[in-house]
Amino acid sequence: MTVKQLRAFLAVAQTLSFTQACERLHLSQPALSLAIKGLEEALGGPLLIRSTRSVRLTPEGETLLPLAKRLLAEWDNTEELLRQRFTLQLGRVALAAMPSIACNRLPRALRRFRVSFPRVNVTVHDVINEQVIDMVRQQQVELGIAFEPETREGIDFQPLFDDTFVAVLPADSALADADSIDWKALLSHDFITLQRPSMVRILLEQALARQHSELPVAFESHQLATVGRMVASGLGVSAVPSLCREQMHELGARCIPLVDPRIRRTVGVVRRAGQELSSAARALHDVLHTTLCDPGESR
C-alpha cells in the first residue's frame, strides 16, 4: 500500500467520480485505475464498485476511508515538518559548553544564529568540561565546546582558538595596572579558584606541578561568577581563561596577562565521531566557527 495508491483511493471515494478524481490528481484514467487496482490487490479485495453511471464504496472501502484520511494527513504533516527542518524553518539542537564559554563568548554566536534561523530552538547545557565530552559521547547533545581533550576516543575535535590564562585581581590592587604578573607574585596572595573536577582547576594544578609548585587554595567555588565576585571583594586573587576577561570586569575585578609559566589551551567544537549532524546542528556548527574563530574575539 503506497501513498500514491491511498491518494488515488481517497480522491475517488470523496468525489465518487473517476473523472473528477483524475482532474484533482492530474492523472490519466488508466493511471488512476492502475493505482486503485494495485491498492485492492495489496489489501486482498475490492474497495470500489464501479458501473457505467456511478461509483460507490464497498463495506471495506467505507472502513478504509477514514483511515486513509488520517494516514495521508499524518504523512503530509510529517513531510512538511521534515521539509521545515531541512530548510531550517523549524528545528531543535542541543549544545553543551563549559561555563567559561557559555557565560562569555557563546551568547554572541547564539545571537548571530538566532538572526539567521529564528525558528530553530537551541538548548544549552552549561556544564564542566568533562561533562561536555561525556554528553557528546553519550549522544545527549550533538555539539560541545570544550578544551582539547587528552584522548579523542569516540569524538572529533575541531579547534576554534587558543586561549591563555590571565590573572584576576581586585580593581584597587597595586598590581591591577601592571603589564603582566608572574605566578610567584600572584601566589603571594590568597588564591581563589574553581572546585574539582573543573578543567580550569586541573590545568592550573598541572601547570604549577611542572614548575614543582602547588596551588595554595584559600577559597574555592563551583561558579566562575562567584570566583570573580570574591576577587572583586578583596578576598584574594585568581587565574581564569582570558575568554572570561569581560565577565570578570563586569563583576568588578581586573585581568592582566599571567606569565612564568604561561598557560595556554586550545578550545574547540566536539562532536561524536562518525555521527551525521542534523541540519540545525550543521548550521550552528558553521556559526560557531565563523563567530568564535574571529581573531578579534580571542584577544
Protein backbone atom coordinates (compact mmCIF):
# COMPACT_ATOMS: atom_id res chain seq x y z
CA MET A 1 0.00 0.00 0.00
CA THR A 2 1.60 3.24 -1.17
CA VAL A 3 0.87 6.90 -0.56
CA LYS A 4 0.10 7.30 -4.27
CA GLN A 5 -2.48 4.48 -4.10
CA LEU A 6 -4.11 5.95 -0.97
CA ARG A 7 -4.35 9.38 -2.61
CA ALA A 8 -5.99 7.80 -5.64
CA PHE A 9 -8.49 5.91 -3.48
CA LEU A 10 -9.29 8.98 -1.37
CA ALA A 11 -9.89 11.17 -4.42
CA VAL A 12 -12.32 8.65 -5.91
CA ALA A 13 -14.03 7.95 -2.57
CA GLN A 14 -14.61 11.65 -1.92
CA THR A 15 -15.81 12.58 -5.41
CA LEU A 16 -17.39 9.22 -6.33
CA SER A 17 -16.15 10.01 -9.82
CA PHE A 18 -13.09 8.75 -11.64
CA THR A 19 -13.23 11.76 -13.95
CA GLN A 20 -13.20 14.30 -11.10
CA ALA A 21 -10.54 12.30 -9.25
CA CYS A 22 -8.33 12.39 -12.34
CA GLU A 23 -8.71 16.16 -12.52
CA ARG A 24 -7.90 16.56 -8.84
CA LEU A 25 -4.78 14.39 -9.02
CA HIS A 26 -3.72 15.40 -12.55
CA LEU A 27 -3.67 11.73 -13.57
CA SER A 28 -4.92 9.92 -16.63
CA GLN A 29 -7.80 7.45 -16.31
CA PRO A 30 -5.52 4.41 -16.92
CA ALA A 31 -3.01 5.62 -14.28
CA LEU A 32 -5.79 6.17 -11.73
CA SER A 33 -7.38 2.80 -12.44
CA LEU A 34 -3.98 1.10 -12.12
CA ALA A 35 -3.38 2.72 -8.72
CA ILE A 36 -6.79 1.61 -7.43
CA LYS A 37 -6.25 -1.91 -8.77
CA GLY A 38 -2.84 -2.09 -7.11
CA LEU A 39 -4.30 -1.00 -3.76
CA GLU A 40 -7.11 -3.57 -3.97
CA GLU A 41 -4.64 -6.33 -4.82
CA ALA A 42 -2.41 -5.30 -1.93
CA LEU A 43 -5.32 -5.40 0.54
CA GLY A 44 -6.95 -8.50 -0.87
CA GLY A 45 -10.31 -7.36 -2.20
CA PRO A 46 -12.43 -4.66 -3.92
CA LEU A 47 -12.81 -1.22 -2.36
CA LEU A 48 -14.97 0.38 -5.06
CA ILE A 49 -17.93 -0.78 -7.12
CA ARG A 50 -17.82 0.95 -10.48
CA SER A 51 -20.62 0.93 -13.06
CA THR A 52 -21.09 2.93 -16.23
CA ARG A 53 -23.08 5.55 -14.30
CA SER A 54 -21.77 5.56 -10.74
CA VAL A 55 -19.06 4.69 -8.26
CA ARG A 56 -19.73 3.56 -4.71
CA LEU A 57 -17.70 2.15 -1.85
CA THR A 58 -17.76 -1.44 -0.71
CA PRO A 59 -18.04 -2.01 3.07
CA GLU A 60 -14.25 -2.47 3.13
CA GLY A 61 -13.88 0.79 1.21
CA GLU A 62 -16.07 2.53 3.81
CA THR A 63 -13.77 1.17 6.53
CA LEU A 64 -10.66 2.36 4.72
CA LEU A 65 -11.93 5.89 4.00
CA PRO A 66 -11.42 7.49 7.46
CA LEU A 67 -8.18 5.58 7.92
CA ALA A 68 -6.87 6.82 4.58
CA LYS A 69 -7.74 10.42 5.54
CA ARG A 70 -5.83 10.12 8.79
CA LEU A 71 -2.83 8.35 7.26
CA LEU A 72 -2.47 10.91 4.49
CA ALA A 73 -2.90 13.82 6.89
CA GLU A 74 -0.14 12.39 9.11
CA TRP A 75 2.05 11.78 6.07
CA ASP A 76 1.59 15.34 4.82
CA ASN A 77 2.29 16.75 8.29
CA THR A 78 5.43 14.65 8.62
CA GLU A 79 6.58 15.63 5.14
CA GLU A 80 6.08 19.32 5.91
CA LEU A 81 7.78 19.04 9.31
CA LEU A 82 10.87 17.40 7.82
CA ARG A 83 10.93 19.91 4.97
CA GLN A 84 10.90 22.74 7.51
CA ARG A 85 13.69 21.09 9.48
CA PHE A 86 15.85 20.51 6.42
CA THR A 87 15.35 24.13 5.34
CA LEU A 88 15.82 25.33 8.97
CA GLN A 89 12.39 26.95 9.08
CA LEU A 90 11.92 24.80 12.17
CA GLY A 91 14.22 22.67 14.29
CA ARG A 92 15.96 21.93 17.55
CA VAL A 93 19.59 21.44 18.51
CA ALA A 94 21.29 20.72 21.85
CA LEU A 95 24.72 22.09 22.72
CA ALA A 96 26.95 21.56 25.77
CA ALA A 97 29.52 24.19 26.71
CA MET A 98 31.84 24.71 29.64
CA PRO A 99 30.83 27.71 31.78
CA SER A 100 33.76 29.89 30.71
CA ILE A 101 32.41 29.70 27.15
CA ALA A 102 28.69 29.64 27.94
CA CYS A 103 28.84 32.80 30.05
CA ASN A 104 31.15 34.80 27.83
CA ARG A 105 31.56 34.21 24.11
CA LEU A 106 28.75 31.78 23.30
CA PRO A 107 25.90 34.35 23.57
CA ARG A 108 27.35 36.36 20.68
CA ALA A 109 27.39 33.26 18.47
CA LEU A 110 23.85 32.32 19.52
CA ARG A 111 22.63 35.82 18.72
CA ARG A 112 24.07 35.52 15.21
CA PHE A 113 22.49 32.07 14.82
CA ARG A 114 19.11 33.36 16.01
CA VAL A 115 19.12 36.18 13.46
CA SER A 116 19.64 33.67 10.64
CA PHE A 117 17.42 30.87 11.99
CA PRO A 118 14.78 32.41 14.29
CA ARG A 119 12.60 29.28 14.46
CA VAL A 120 15.32 26.84 15.48
CA ASN A 121 15.35 26.16 19.22
CA VAL A 122 18.77 25.84 20.90
CA THR A 123 19.21 24.10 24.25
CA VAL A 124 22.46 25.00 26.03
CA HIS A 125 23.81 22.71 28.75
CA ASP A 126 26.16 24.78 30.92
CA VAL A 127 28.38 22.04 32.41
CA ILE A 128 32.01 21.46 33.32
CA ASN A 129 34.48 20.48 30.62
CA GLU A 130 34.42 16.74 31.39
CA GLN A 131 30.62 16.61 31.21
CA VAL A 132 30.70 18.34 27.82
CA ILE A 133 32.80 15.49 26.44
CA ASP A 134 30.63 12.83 28.12
CA MET A 135 27.37 14.34 26.83
CA VAL A 136 28.73 14.29 23.28
CA ARG A 137 29.95 10.69 23.60
CA GLN A 138 26.59 9.58 25.02
CA GLN A 139 24.69 11.42 22.25
CA GLN A 140 22.85 13.63 24.72
CA VAL A 141 23.93 16.62 22.62
CA GLU A 142 25.11 16.92 19.03
CA LEU A 143 27.78 19.54 19.70
CA GLY A 144 30.02 20.58 22.56
CA ILE A 145 32.51 23.38 23.17
CA ALA A 146 35.42 22.40 25.39
CA PHE A 147 39.16 22.42 25.90
CA GLU A 148 41.03 19.98 23.68
CA PRO A 149 40.69 16.56 25.35
CA GLU A 150 43.73 14.45 26.16
CA THR A 151 42.14 11.49 24.38
CA ARG A 152 39.86 11.71 21.35
CA GLU A 153 38.39 8.23 21.59
CA GLY A 154 34.87 8.30 20.13
CA ILE A 155 34.90 12.02 19.36
CA ASP A 156 36.09 14.52 16.78
CA PHE A 157 37.68 17.79 17.95
CA GLN A 158 37.88 20.84 15.69
CA PRO A 159 39.95 23.73 17.08
CA LEU A 160 38.39 27.18 17.34
CA PHE A 161 41.07 29.26 19.08
CA ASP A 162 43.88 29.11 21.63
CA ASP A 163 43.15 30.67 24.99
CA THR A 164 45.70 31.88 27.55
CA PHE A 165 45.05 32.15 31.28
CA VAL A 166 45.08 35.61 32.86
CA ALA A 167 45.45 36.79 36.44
CA VAL A 168 42.34 38.15 38.16
CA LEU A 169 42.95 40.91 40.70
CA PRO A 170 40.85 43.32 42.78
CA ALA A 171 40.34 46.60 40.96
CA ASP A 172 42.14 48.52 43.72
CA SER A 173 45.15 46.20 43.75
CA ALA A 174 48.54 47.86 43.21
CA LEU A 175 49.18 45.23 40.52
CA ALA A 176 45.93 45.80 38.60
CA ASP A 177 47.55 48.23 36.15
CA ALA A 178 50.71 46.17 35.56
CA ASP A 179 51.54 44.92 32.07
CA SER A 180 51.77 41.36 33.38
CA ILE A 181 52.30 39.35 36.56
CA ASP A 182 54.17 36.12 37.19
CA TRP A 183 52.91 33.20 39.23
CA LYS A 184 55.31 33.79 42.08
CA ALA A 185 53.92 37.28 42.67
CA LEU A 186 50.32 36.13 42.16
CA LEU A 187 50.59 33.28 44.66
CA SER A 188 51.89 35.61 47.34
CA HIS A 189 48.20 36.49 47.80
CA ASP A 190 45.28 34.31 48.92
CA PHE A 191 44.21 32.27 45.90
CA ILE A 192 40.60 31.68 44.82
CA THR A 193 39.72 29.06 42.24
CA LEU A 194 37.08 26.63 40.98
CA GLN A 195 36.50 23.34 42.72
CA ARG A 196 37.49 19.99 41.24
CA PRO A 197 36.78 18.40 38.82
CA SER A 198 36.76 21.71 36.91
CA MET A 199 39.21 21.60 33.99
CA VAL A 200 40.27 25.17 34.81
CA ARG A 201 41.39 23.96 38.26
CA ILE A 202 43.11 20.90 36.80
CA LEU A 203 45.02 22.94 34.20
CA LEU A 204 46.25 25.34 36.88
CA GLU A 205 47.46 22.50 39.08
CA GLN A 206 49.16 20.71 36.19
CA ALA A 207 50.98 23.85 35.06
CA LEU A 208 52.28 24.60 38.54
CA ALA A 209 53.24 20.96 39.11
CA ARG A 210 55.59 21.19 36.13
CA GLN A 211 57.22 24.12 37.96
CA HIS A 212 57.44 22.00 41.11
CA SER A 213 54.89 24.23 42.81
CA GLU A 214 51.48 23.64 44.35
CA LEU A 215 48.30 25.68 44.11
CA PRO A 216 47.62 27.14 47.58
CA VAL A 217 43.85 27.50 47.68
CA ALA A 218 42.25 29.83 50.22
CA PHE A 219 38.74 29.85 48.71
CA GLU A 220 37.04 27.68 46.09
CA SER A 221 33.66 27.69 44.37
CA HIS A 222 31.74 25.86 41.66
CA GLN A 223 30.91 29.06 39.75
CA LEU A 224 33.17 31.47 37.87
CA ALA A 225 30.86 34.34 38.81
CA THR A 226 31.42 33.59 42.49
CA VAL A 227 35.18 33.46 41.99
CA GLY A 228 35.09 36.83 40.23
CA ARG A 229 32.94 38.40 42.92
CA MET A 230 35.23 37.10 45.68
CA VAL A 231 38.24 38.64 43.95
CA ALA A 232 36.40 41.94 43.41
CA SER A 233 35.55 41.97 47.12
CA GLY A 234 39.23 41.76 48.05
CA LEU A 235 39.29 38.18 49.33
CA GLY A 236 42.21 37.24 47.11
CA VAL A 237 43.32 36.68 43.51
CA SER A 238 42.62 34.07 40.85
CA ALA A 239 43.51 32.86 37.35
CA VAL A 240 40.98 32.13 34.61
CA PRO A 241 40.93 31.67 30.82
CA SER A 242 41.23 35.03 29.05
CA LEU A 243 37.85 34.47 27.42
CA CYS A 244 36.39 35.23 30.88
CA ARG A 245 38.01 38.67 30.90
CA GLU A 246 34.81 40.60 30.15
CA GLN A 247 32.84 38.66 32.77
CA MET A 248 35.50 39.33 35.43
CA HIS A 249 35.48 43.05 34.60
CA GLU A 250 31.70 43.18 34.88
CA LEU A 251 31.98 41.61 38.34
CA GLY A 252 34.39 44.35 39.43
CA ALA A 253 37.73 42.53 39.10
CA ARG A 254 40.63 43.25 36.74
CA CYS A 255 42.54 40.88 34.44
CA ILE A 256 46.17 41.13 33.34
CA PRO A 257 48.46 38.71 31.44
CA LEU A 258 49.88 35.87 33.53
CA VAL A 259 53.40 34.60 32.80
CA ASP A 260 56.08 32.22 34.05
CA PRO A 261 54.52 29.83 33.24
CA ARG A 262 52.09 30.94 30.56
CA ILE A 263 49.15 28.51 30.47
CA ARG A 264 47.64 28.02 27.04
CA ARG A 265 44.96 25.55 25.90
CA THR A 266 43.05 25.05 22.66
CA VAL A 267 39.25 25.45 22.71
CA GLY A 268 37.19 23.75 20.04
CA VAL A 269 33.97 22.10 18.92
CA VAL A 270 33.42 18.49 19.95
CA ARG A 271 31.16 16.08 18.10
CA ARG A 272 30.69 12.33 18.19
CA ALA A 273 32.96 10.52 15.75
CA GLY A 274 31.12 9.25 12.70
CA GLN A 275 27.81 10.85 13.62
CA GLU A 276 25.93 12.76 10.93
CA LEU A 277 24.74 16.10 12.26
CA SER A 278 21.18 17.32 11.83
CA SER A 279 20.61 20.33 9.57
CA ALA A 280 20.21 22.57 12.62
CA ALA A 281 23.42 21.27 14.21
CA ARG A 282 25.36 21.76 10.97
CA ALA A 283 24.14 25.35 10.75
CA LEU A 284 25.06 26.02 14.39
CA HIS A 285 28.45 24.39 13.86
CA ASP A 286 29.15 26.79 10.98
CA VAL A 287 28.08 29.81 13.03
CA LEU A 288 30.31 28.75 15.94
CA HIS A 289 33.30 28.53 13.65
CA THR A 290 32.53 31.83 11.95
CA THR A 291 31.95 33.69 15.22
CA LEU A 292 34.31 32.11 17.74
CA CYS A 293 37.27 31.83 15.35
CA ASP A 294 37.17 35.62 14.88
CA PRO A 295 40.68 36.79 15.92
CA GLY A 296 39.18 39.92 17.43
CA GLU A 297 37.18 37.77 19.81
CA SER A 298 40.10 35.68 21.05
CA ARG A 299 42.25 38.51 22.33
